[in-house]
Amino acid sequence: MGFINDGKAAEACKRARQARDNGDTVLVYKFIEANTNSRATAPMTGMADQIQAVERGGWMPANMAAAEGKALTGERVALVCLFRRV
């Protein structure tokens, strides 16, 4: 991972633990990853690392939705994931 993905994963884990500590039973989290070629099939390692970080915080993925868009900085892929506490 690069330092940006490391930071995103650390923040995701922190937020997941805070939600768990608050007694929440559901966590909805949006993950965004830059995509250099949206038509290519390839691992999305940055998102995988962030999802695993939330799982380490005590959550299990339940549902997921994906969206793709273009911003000034290029194409982006967003995943909105619903997690339930383990």
PDB file of N, CA and C in Angstrom:
ATOM      1  N   MET A   1       0.840  -1.183   0.000  1.00  0.00           N
ATOM      2  CA  MET A   1       0.000   0.000   0.000  1.00  0.00           C
ATOM      3  C   MET A   1       0.875   1.233   0.000  1.00  0.00           C
ATOM      4  N   GLY A   2       0.351   2.293  -0.570  1.00  0.00           N
ATOM      5  CA  GLY A   2       1.023   3.571  -0.499  1.00  0.00           C
ATOM      6  C   GLY A   2       0.533   4.334   0.719  1.00  0.00           C
ATOM      7  N   PHE A   3       1.161   5.473   0.967  1.00  0.00           N
ATOM      8  CA  PHE A   3       0.811   6.214   2.174  1.00  0.00           C
ATOM      9  C   PHE A   3      -0.630   6.717   2.143  1.00  0.00           C
ATOM     10  N   ILE A   4      -1.180   7.016   0.970  1.00  0.00           N
ATOM     11  CA  ILE A   4      -2.574   7.471   0.893  1.00  0.00           C
ATOM     12  C   ILE A   4      -3.507   6.327   1.274  1.00  0.00           C
ATOM     13  N   ASN A   5      -3.297   5.150   0.684  1.00  0.00           N
ATOM     14  CA  ASN A   5      -4.143   4.006   1.028  1.00  0.00           C
ATOM     15  C   ASN A   5      -3.939   3.589   2.476  1.00  0.00           C
ATOM     16  N   ASP A   6      -2.717   3.696   2.980  1.00  0.00           N
ATOM     17  CA  ASP A   6      -2.467   3.397   4.397  1.00  0.00           C
ATOM     18  C   ASP A   6      -3.309   4.319   5.277  1.00  0.00           C
ATOM     19  N   GLY A   7      -3.324   5.586   4.932  1.00  0.00           N
ATOM     20  CA  GLY A   7      -4.091   6.569   5.701  1.00  0.00           C
ATOM     21  C   GLY A   7      -5.584   6.306   5.627  1.00  0.00           C
ATOM     22  N   LYS A   8      -6.069   5.966   4.421  1.00  0.00           N
ATOM     23  CA  LYS A   8      -7.493   5.667   4.267  1.00  0.00           C
ATOM     24  C   LYS A   8      -7.876   4.430   5.075  1.00  0.00           C
ATOM     25  N   ALA A   9      -7.042   3.411   5.040  1.00  0.00           N
ATOM     26  CA  ALA A   9      -7.321   2.184   5.795  1.00  0.00           C
ATOM     27  C   ALA A   9      -7.298   2.460   7.295  1.00  0.00           C
ATOM     28  N   ALA A  10      -6.346   3.248   7.758  1.00  0.00           N
ATOM     29  CA  ALA A  10      -6.263   3.580   9.178  1.00  0.00           C
ATOM     30  C   ALA A  10      -7.498   4.358   9.623  1.00  0.00           C
ATOM     31  N   GLU A  11      -7.948   5.287   8.805  1.00  0.00           N
ATOM     32  CA  GLU A  11      -9.144   6.070   9.142  1.00  0.00           C
ATOM     33  C   GLU A  11     -10.383   5.185   9.148  1.00  0.00           C
ATOM     34  N   ALA A  12     -10.501   4.278   8.191  1.00  0.00           N
ATOM     35  CA  ALA A  12     -11.641   3.362   8.138  1.00  0.00           C
ATOM     36  C   ALA A  12     -11.685   2.494   9.391  1.00  0.00           C
ATOM     37  N   CYS A  13     -10.535   1.988   9.800  1.00  0.00           N
ATOM     38  CA  CYS A  13     -10.470   1.152  11.007  1.00  0.00           C
ATOM     39  C   CYS A  13     -10.841   1.973  12.245  1.00  0.00           C
ATOM     40  N   LYS A  14     -10.348   3.187  12.313  1.00  0.00           N
ATOM     41  CA  LYS A  14     -10.650   4.068  13.449  1.00  0.00           C
ATOM     42  C   LYS A  14     -12.151   4.330  13.538  1.00  0.00           C
ATOM     43  N   ARG A  15     -12.772   4.658  12.404  1.00  0.00           N
ATOM     44  CA  ARG A  15     -14.209   4.941  12.381  1.00  0.00           C
ATOM     45  C   ARG A  15     -15.026   3.696  12.730  1.00  0.00           C
ATOM     46  N   ALA A  16     -14.579   2.540  12.241  1.00  0.00           N
ATOM     47  CA  ALA A  16     -15.275   1.285  12.540  1.00  0.00           C
ATOM     48  C   ALA A  16     -15.228   0.991  14.037  1.00  0.00           C
ATOM     49  N   ARG A  17     -14.080   1.196  14.641  1.00  0.00           N
ATOM     50  CA  ARG A  17     -13.948   0.944  16.084  1.00  0.00           C
ATOM     51  C   ARG A  17     -14.779   1.936  16.896  1.00  0.00           C
ATOM     52  N   GLN A  18     -14.815   3.189  16.431  1.00  0.00           N
ATOM     53  CA  GLN A  18     -15.636   4.188  17.125  1.00  0.00           C
ATOM     54  C   GLN A  18     -17.112   3.798  17.070  1.00  0.00           C
ATOM     55  N   ALA A  19     -17.572   3.374  15.906  1.00  0.00           N
ATOM     56  CA  ALA A  19     -18.971   2.968  15.756  1.00  0.00           C
ATOM     57  C   ALA A  19     -19.276   1.768  16.651  1.00  0.00           C
ATOM     58  N   ARG A  20     -18.356   0.811  16.697  1.00  0.00           N
ATOM     59  CA  ARG A  20     -18.532  -0.362  17.566  1.00  0.00           C
ATOM     60  C   ARG A  20     -18.591   0.075  19.021  1.00  0.00           C
ATOM     61  N   ASP A  21     -17.662   0.945  19.427  1.00  0.00           N
ATOM     62  CA  ASP A  21     -17.615   1.422  20.810  1.00  0.00           C
ATOM     63  C   ASP A  21     -18.860   2.224  21.185  1.00  0.00           C
ATOM     64  N   ASN A  22     -19.480   2.877  20.191  1.00  0.00           N
ATOM     65  CA  ASN A  22     -20.717   3.635  20.429  1.00  0.00           C
ATOM     66  C   ASN A  22     -21.925   2.721  20.550  1.00  0.00           C
ATOM     67  N   GLY A  23     -21.737   1.432  20.278  1.00  0.00           N
ATOM     68  CA  GLY A  23     -22.846   0.488  20.352  1.00  0.00           C
ATOM     69  C   GLY A  23     -23.651   0.375  19.071  1.00  0.00           C
ATOM     70  N   ASP A  24     -23.166   0.971  17.994  1.00  0.00           N
ATOM     71  CA  ASP A  24     -23.876   0.865  16.714  1.00  0.00           C
ATOM     72  C   ASP A  24     -23.894  -0.584  16.255  1.00  0.00           C
ATOM     73  N   THR A  25     -24.973  -0.976  15.593  1.00  0.00           N
ATOM     74  CA  THR A  25     -25.059  -2.332  15.053  1.00  0.00           C
ATOM     75  C   THR A  25     -24.935  -2.348  13.539  1.00  0.00           C
ATOM     76  N   VAL A  26     -25.017  -1.164  12.916  1.00  0.00           N
ATOM     77  CA  VAL A  26     -24.891  -1.026  11.465  1.00  0.00           C
ATOM     78  C   VAL A  26     -23.908   0.094  11.176  1.00  0.00           C
ATOM     79  N   LEU A  27     -23.054  -0.120  10.188  1.00  0.00           N
ATOM     80  CA  LEU A  27     -22.108   0.897   9.734  1.00  0.00           C
ATOM     81  C   LEU A  27     -22.215   0.979   8.221  1.00  0.00           C
ATOM     82  N   VAL A  28     -22.457   2.168   7.702  1.00  0.00           N
ATOM     83  CA  VAL A  28     -22.452   2.391   6.255  1.00  0.00           C
ATOM     84  C   VAL A  28     -21.219   3.233   5.964  1.00  0.00           C
ATOM     85  N   TYR A  29     -20.385   2.742   5.044  1.00  0.00           N
ATOM     86  CA  TYR A  29     -19.114   3.410   4.773  1.00  0.00           C
ATOM     87  C   TYR A  29     -18.914   3.538   3.268  1.00  0.00           C
ATOM     88  N   LYS A  30     -18.433   4.704   2.846  1.00  0.00           N
ATOM     89  CA  LYS A  30     -18.160   4.948   1.427  1.00  0.00           C
ATOM     90  C   LYS A  30     -16.659   4.895   1.198  1.00  0.00           C
ATOM     91  N   PHE A  31     -16.266   4.052   0.274  1.00  0.00           N
ATOM     92  CA  PHE A  31     -14.865   3.920  -0.116  1.00  0.00           C
ATOM     93  C   PHE A  31     -14.708   4.486  -1.517  1.00  0.00           C
ATOM     94  N   ILE A  32     -13.663   5.274  -1.739  1.00  0.00           N
ATOM     95  CA  ILE A  32     -13.405   5.843  -3.066  1.00  0.00           C
ATOM     96  C   ILE A  32     -11.987   5.482  -3.476  1.00  0.00           C
ATOM     97  N   GLU A  33     -11.852   5.021  -4.707  1.00  0.00           N
ATOM     98  CA  GLU A  33     -10.533   4.686  -5.234  1.00  0.00           C
ATOM     99  C   GLU A  33     -10.385   5.272  -6.622  1.00  0.00           C
ATOM    100  N   ALA A  34      -9.242   5.895  -6.879  1.00  0.00           N
ATOM    101  CA  ALA A  34      -8.948   6.378  -8.220  1.00  0.00           C
ATOM    102  C   ALA A  34      -8.754   5.171  -9.121  1.00  0.00           C
ATOM    103  N   ASN A  35      -9.207   5.297 -10.337  1.00  0.00           N
ATOM    104  CA  ASN A  35      -9.123   4.197 -11.278  1.00  0.00           C
ATOM    105  C   ASN A  35      -8.525   4.735 -12.575  1.00  0.00           C
ATOM    106  N   THR A  36      -7.375   4.234 -12.956  1.00  0.00           N
ATOM    107  CA  THR A  36      -6.727   4.755 -14.152  1.00  0.00           C
ATOM    108  C   THR A  36      -7.378   4.254 -15.429  1.00  0.00           C
ATOM    109  N   ASN A  37      -8.047   3.126 -15.374  1.00  0.00           N
ATOM    110  CA  ASN A  37      -8.733   2.604 -16.548  1.00  0.00           C
ATOM    111  C   ASN A  37      -9.923   1.779 -16.085  1.00  0.00           C
ATOM    112  N   SER A  38     -11.097   2.393 -16.089  1.00  0.00           N
ATOM    113  CA  SER A  38     -12.274   1.725 -15.550  1.00  0.00           C
ATOM    114  C   SER A  38     -12.697   0.523 -16.386  1.00  0.00           C
ATOM    115  N   ARG A  39     -12.196   0.406 -17.596  1.00  0.00           N
ATOM    116  CA  ARG A  39     -12.600  -0.712 -18.449  1.00  0.00           C
ATOM    117  C   ARG A  39     -11.727  -1.948 -18.235  1.00  0.00           C
ATOM    118  N   ALA A  40     -10.686  -1.795 -17.457  1.00  0.00           N
ATOM    119  CA  ALA A  40      -9.782  -2.913 -17.210  1.00  0.00           C
ATOM    120  C   ALA A  40     -10.271  -3.729 -16.012  1.00  0.00           C
ATOM    121  N   THR A  41     -10.075  -5.018 -16.097  1.00  0.00           N
ATOM    122  CA  THR A  41     -10.357  -5.894 -14.969  1.00  0.00           C
ATOM    123  C   THR A  41      -9.073  -6.036 -14.173  1.00  0.00           C
ATOM    124  N   ALA A  42      -9.132  -5.689 -12.908  1.00  0.00           N
ATOM    125  CA  ALA A  42      -7.919  -5.722 -12.083  1.00  0.00           C
ATOM    126  C   ALA A  42      -8.306  -5.658 -10.616  1.00  0.00           C
ATOM    127  N   PRO A  43      -7.438  -6.108  -9.741  1.00  0.00           N
ATOM    128  CA  PRO A  43      -7.709  -5.991  -8.304  1.00  0.00           C
ATOM    129  C   PRO A  43      -7.818  -4.529  -7.887  1.00  0.00           C
ATOM    130  N   MET A  44      -8.675  -4.280  -6.948  1.00  0.00           N
ATOM    131  CA  MET A  44      -8.822  -2.939  -6.379  1.00  0.00           C
ATOM    132  C   MET A  44      -8.208  -2.999  -4.988  1.00  0.00           C
ATOM    133  N   THR A  45      -6.888  -3.005  -4.965  1.00  0.00           N
ATOM    134  CA  THR A  45      -6.181  -3.258  -3.710  1.00  0.00           C
ATOM    135  C   THR A  45      -6.430  -2.188  -2.659  1.00  0.00           C
ATOM    136  N   GLY A  46      -6.549  -0.941  -3.068  1.00  0.00           N
ATOM    137  CA  GLY A  46      -6.803   0.122  -2.097  1.00  0.00           C
ATOM    138  C   GLY A  46      -8.122  -0.089  -1.374  1.00  0.00           C
ATOM    139  N   MET A  47      -9.154  -0.447  -2.119  1.00  0.00           N
ATOM    140  CA  MET A  47     -10.458  -0.699  -1.502  1.00  0.00           C
ATOM    141  C   MET A  47     -10.426  -1.963  -0.660  1.00  0.00           C
ATOM    142  N   ALA A  48      -9.762  -2.979  -1.138  1.00  0.00           N
ATOM    143  CA  ALA A  48      -9.670  -4.228  -0.380  1.00  0.00           C
ATOM    144  C   ALA A  48      -9.012  -3.968   0.975  1.00  0.00           C
ATOM    145  N   ASP A  49      -7.952  -3.182   0.975  1.00  0.00           N
ATOM    146  CA  ASP A  49      -7.262  -2.872   2.227  1.00  0.00           C
ATOM    147  C   ASP A  49      -8.177  -2.110   3.186  1.00  0.00           C
ATOM    148  N   GLN A  50      -8.982  -1.192   2.650  1.00  0.00           N
ATOM    149  CA  GLN A  50      -9.883  -0.412   3.499  1.00  0.00           C
ATOM    150  C   GLN A  50     -11.006  -1.285   4.061  1.00  0.00           C
ATOM    151  N   ILE A  51     -11.556  -2.161   3.235  1.00  0.00           N
ATOM    152  CA  ILE A  51     -12.615  -3.056   3.705  1.00  0.00           C
ATOM    153  C   ILE A  51     -12.069  -3.989   4.778  1.00  0.00           C
ATOM    154  N   GLN A  52     -10.871  -4.509   4.565  1.00  0.00           N
ATOM    155  CA  GLN A  52     -10.261  -5.368   5.582  1.00  0.00           C
ATOM    156  C   GLN A  52     -10.019  -4.601   6.885  1.00  0.00           C
ATOM    157  N   ALA A  53      -9.704  -3.322   6.777  1.00  0.00           N
ATOM    158  CA  ALA A  53      -9.492  -2.509   7.976  1.00  0.00           C
ATOM    159  C   ALA A  53     -10.787  -2.378   8.774  1.00  0.00           C
ATOM    160  N   VAL A  54     -11.918  -2.198   8.085  1.00  0.00           N
ATOM    161  CA  VAL A  54     -13.205  -2.123   8.770  1.00  0.00           C
ATOM    162  C   VAL A  54     -13.519  -3.473   9.418  1.00  0.00           C
ATOM    163  N   GLU A  55     -13.226  -4.555   8.714  1.00  0.00           N
ATOM    164  CA  GLU A  55     -13.448  -5.889   9.290  1.00  0.00           C
ATOM    165  C   GLU A  55     -12.624  -6.086  10.563  1.00  0.00           C
ATOM    166  N   ARG A  56     -11.384  -5.587  10.561  1.00  0.00           N
ATOM    167  CA  ARG A  56     -10.551  -5.678  11.769  1.00  0.00           C
ATOM    168  C   ARG A  56     -11.172  -4.905  12.930  1.00  0.00           C
ATOM    169  N   GLY A  57     -11.987  -3.900  12.599  1.00  0.00           N
ATOM    170  CA  GLY A  57     -12.665  -3.114  13.624  1.00  0.00           C
ATOM    171  C   GLY A  57     -13.893  -3.805  14.192  1.00  0.00           C
ATOM    172  N   GLY A  58     -14.184  -5.024  13.741  1.00  0.00           N
ATOM    173  CA  GLY A  58     -15.285  -5.790  14.315  1.00  0.00           C
ATOM    174  C   GLY A  58     -16.555  -5.829  13.483  1.00  0.00           C
ATOM    175  N   TRP A  59     -16.442  -5.623  12.170  1.00  0.00           N
ATOM    176  CA  TRP A  59     -17.604  -5.569  11.292  1.00  0.00           C
ATOM    177  C   TRP A  59     -17.491  -6.592  10.171  1.00  0.00           C
ATOM    178  N   MET A  60     -18.658  -7.019   9.654  1.00  0.00           N
ATOM    179  CA  MET A  60     -18.715  -7.959   8.535  1.00  0.00           C
ATOM    180  C   MET A  60     -19.558  -7.323   7.427  1.00  0.00           C
ATOM    181  N   PRO A  61     -19.061  -7.319   6.177  1.00  0.00           N
ATOM    182  CA  PRO A  61     -19.864  -6.751   5.082  1.00  0.00           C
ATOM    183  C   PRO A  61     -21.193  -7.479   4.937  1.00  0.00           C
ATOM    184  N   ALA A  62     -22.262  -6.710   4.693  1.00  0.00           N
ATOM    185  CA  ALA A  62     -23.585  -7.287   4.491  1.00  0.00           C
ATOM    186  C   ALA A  62     -24.094  -7.002   3.075  1.00  0.00           C
ATOM    187  N   ASN A  63     -23.961  -5.766   2.614  1.00  0.00           N
ATOM    188  CA  ASN A  63     -24.404  -5.366   1.278  1.00  0.00           C
ATOM    189  C   ASN A  63     -23.418  -4.358   0.707  1.00  0.00           C
ATOM    190  N   MET A  64     -23.464  -4.221  -0.629  1.00  0.00           N
ATOM    191  CA  MET A  64     -22.540  -3.297  -1.280  1.00  0.00           C
ATOM    192  C   MET A  64     -23.186  -2.752  -2.554  1.00  0.00           C
ATOM    193  N   ALA A  65     -22.908  -1.501  -2.856  1.00  0.00           N
ATOM    194  CA  ALA A  65     -23.317  -0.883  -4.115  1.00  0.00           C
ATOM    195  C   ALA A  65     -22.115  -0.156  -4.684  1.00  0.00           C
ATOM    196  N   ALA A  66     -21.993  -0.150  -6.002  1.00  0.00           N
ATOM    197  CA  ALA A  66     -20.852   0.496  -6.652  1.00  0.00           C
ATOM    198  C   ALA A  66     -21.336   1.588  -7.596  1.00  0.00           C
ATOM    199  N   ALA A  67     -20.505   2.604  -7.740  1.00  0.00           N
ATOM    200  CA  ALA A  67     -20.781   3.691  -8.679  1.00  0.00           C
ATOM    201  C   ALA A  67     -19.462   4.146  -9.273  1.00  0.00           C
ATOM    202  N   GLU A  68     -19.535   4.647 -10.488  1.00  0.00           N
ATOM    203  CA  GLU A  68     -18.337   5.141 -11.159  1.00  0.00           C
ATOM    204  C   GLU A  68     -18.638   6.533 -11.681  1.00  0.00           C
ATOM    205  N   GLY A  69     -17.675   7.424 -11.553  1.00  0.00           N
ATOM    206  CA  GLY A  69     -17.871   8.778 -12.030  1.00  0.00           C
ATOM    207  C   GLY A  69     -16.562   9.403 -12.452  1.00  0.00           C
ATOM    208  N   LYS A  70     -16.677  10.547 -13.100  1.00  0.00           N
ATOM    209  CA  LYS A  70     -15.491  11.276 -13.526  1.00  0.00           C
ATOM    210  C   LYS A  70     -15.440  12.592 -12.764  1.00  0.00           C
ATOM    211  N   ALA A  71     -14.284  12.896 -12.264  1.00  0.00           N
ATOM    212  CA  ALA A  71     -14.036  14.159 -11.585  1.00  0.00           C
ATOM    213  C   ALA A  71     -12.895  14.847 -12.320  1.00  0.00           C
ATOM    214  N   LEU A  72     -12.546  16.034 -11.900  1.00  0.00           N
ATOM    215  CA  LEU A  72     -11.455  16.754 -12.552  1.00  0.00           C
ATOM    216  C   LEU A  72     -10.151  15.979 -12.505  1.00  0.00           C
ATOM    217  N   THR A  73      -9.996  15.150 -11.495  1.00  0.00           N
ATOM    218  CA  THR A  73      -8.744  14.420 -11.331  1.00  0.00           C
ATOM    219  C   THR A  73      -8.752  13.059 -12.025  1.00  0.00           C
ATOM    220  N   GLY A  74      -9.836  12.703 -12.684  1.00  0.00           N
ATOM    221  CA  GLY A  74      -9.885  11.421 -13.387  1.00  0.00           C
ATOM    222  C   GLY A  74     -11.047  10.579 -12.938  1.00  0.00           C
ATOM    223  N   GLU A  75     -11.066   9.344 -13.405  1.00  0.00           N
ATOM    224  CA  GLU A  75     -12.165   8.452 -13.086  1.00  0.00           C
ATOM    225  C   GLU A  75     -12.045   7.954 -11.655  1.00  0.00           C
ATOM    226  N   ARG A  76     -13.180   7.788 -11.027  1.00  0.00           N
ATOM    227  CA  ARG A  76     -13.228   7.322  -9.648  1.00  0.00           C
ATOM    228  C   ARG A  76     -14.273   6.219  -9.539  1.00  0.00           C
ATOM    229  N   VAL A  77     -14.004   5.287  -8.681  1.00  0.00           N
ATOM    230  CA  VAL A  77     -14.959   4.232  -8.358  1.00  0.00           C
ATOM    231  C   VAL A  77     -15.286   4.377  -6.884  1.00  0.00           C
ATOM    232  N   ALA A  78     -16.564   4.327  -6.559  1.00  0.00           N
ATOM    233  CA  ALA A  78     -16.999   4.402  -5.167  1.00  0.00           C
ATOM    234  C   ALA A  78     -17.782   3.149  -4.814  1.00  0.00           C
ATOM    235  N   LEU A  79     -17.508   2.617  -3.668  1.00  0.00           N
ATOM    236  CA  LEU A  79     -18.282   1.517  -3.098  1.00  0.00           C
ATOM    237  C   LEU A  79     -18.944   2.033  -1.843  1.00  0.00           C
ATOM    238  N   VAL A  80     -20.234   1.812  -1.722  1.00  0.00           N
ATOM    239  CA  VAL A  80     -20.937   2.105  -0.488  1.00  0.00           C
ATOM    240  C   VAL A  80     -21.276   0.752   0.114  1.00  0.00           C
ATOM    241  N   CYS A  81     -20.730   0.499   1.295  1.00  0.00           N
ATOM    242  CA  CYS A  81     -20.876  -0.807   1.930  1.00  0.00           C
ATOM    243  C   CYS A  81     -21.644  -0.694   3.231  1.00  0.00           C
ATOM    244  N   LEU A  82     -22.539  -1.634   3.427  1.00  0.00           N
ATOM    245  CA  LEU A  82     -23.246  -1.772   4.688  1.00  0.00           C
ATOM    246  C   LEU A  82     -22.574  -2.909   5.444  1.00  0.00           C
ATOM    247  N   PHE A  83     -22.149  -2.600   6.656  1.00  0.00           N
ATOM    248  CA  PHE A  83     -21.507  -3.587   7.525  1.00  0.00           C
ATOM    249  C   PHE A  83     -22.408  -3.829   8.724  1.00  0.00           C
ATOM    250  N   ARG A  84     -22.366  -5.037   9.239  1.00  0.00           N
ATOM    251  CA  ARG A  84     -23.049  -5.377  10.487  1.00  0.00           C
ATOM    252  C   ARG A  84     -21.984  -5.831  11.488  1.00  0.00           C
ATOM    253  N   ARG A  85     -22.241  -5.547  12.735  1.00  0.00           N
ATOM    254  CA  ARG A  85     -21.283  -5.916  13.774  1.00  0.00           C
ATOM    255  C   ARG A  85     -21.162  -7.425  13.883  1.00  0.00           C
ATOM    256  N   VAL A  86     -19.940  -7.897  14.108  1.00  0.00           N
ATOM    257  CA  VAL A  86     -19.683  -9.331  14.254  1.00  0.00           C
ATOM    258  C   VAL A  86     -20.086  -9.756  15.633  1.00  0.00           C
TER     259      VAL A  86
END
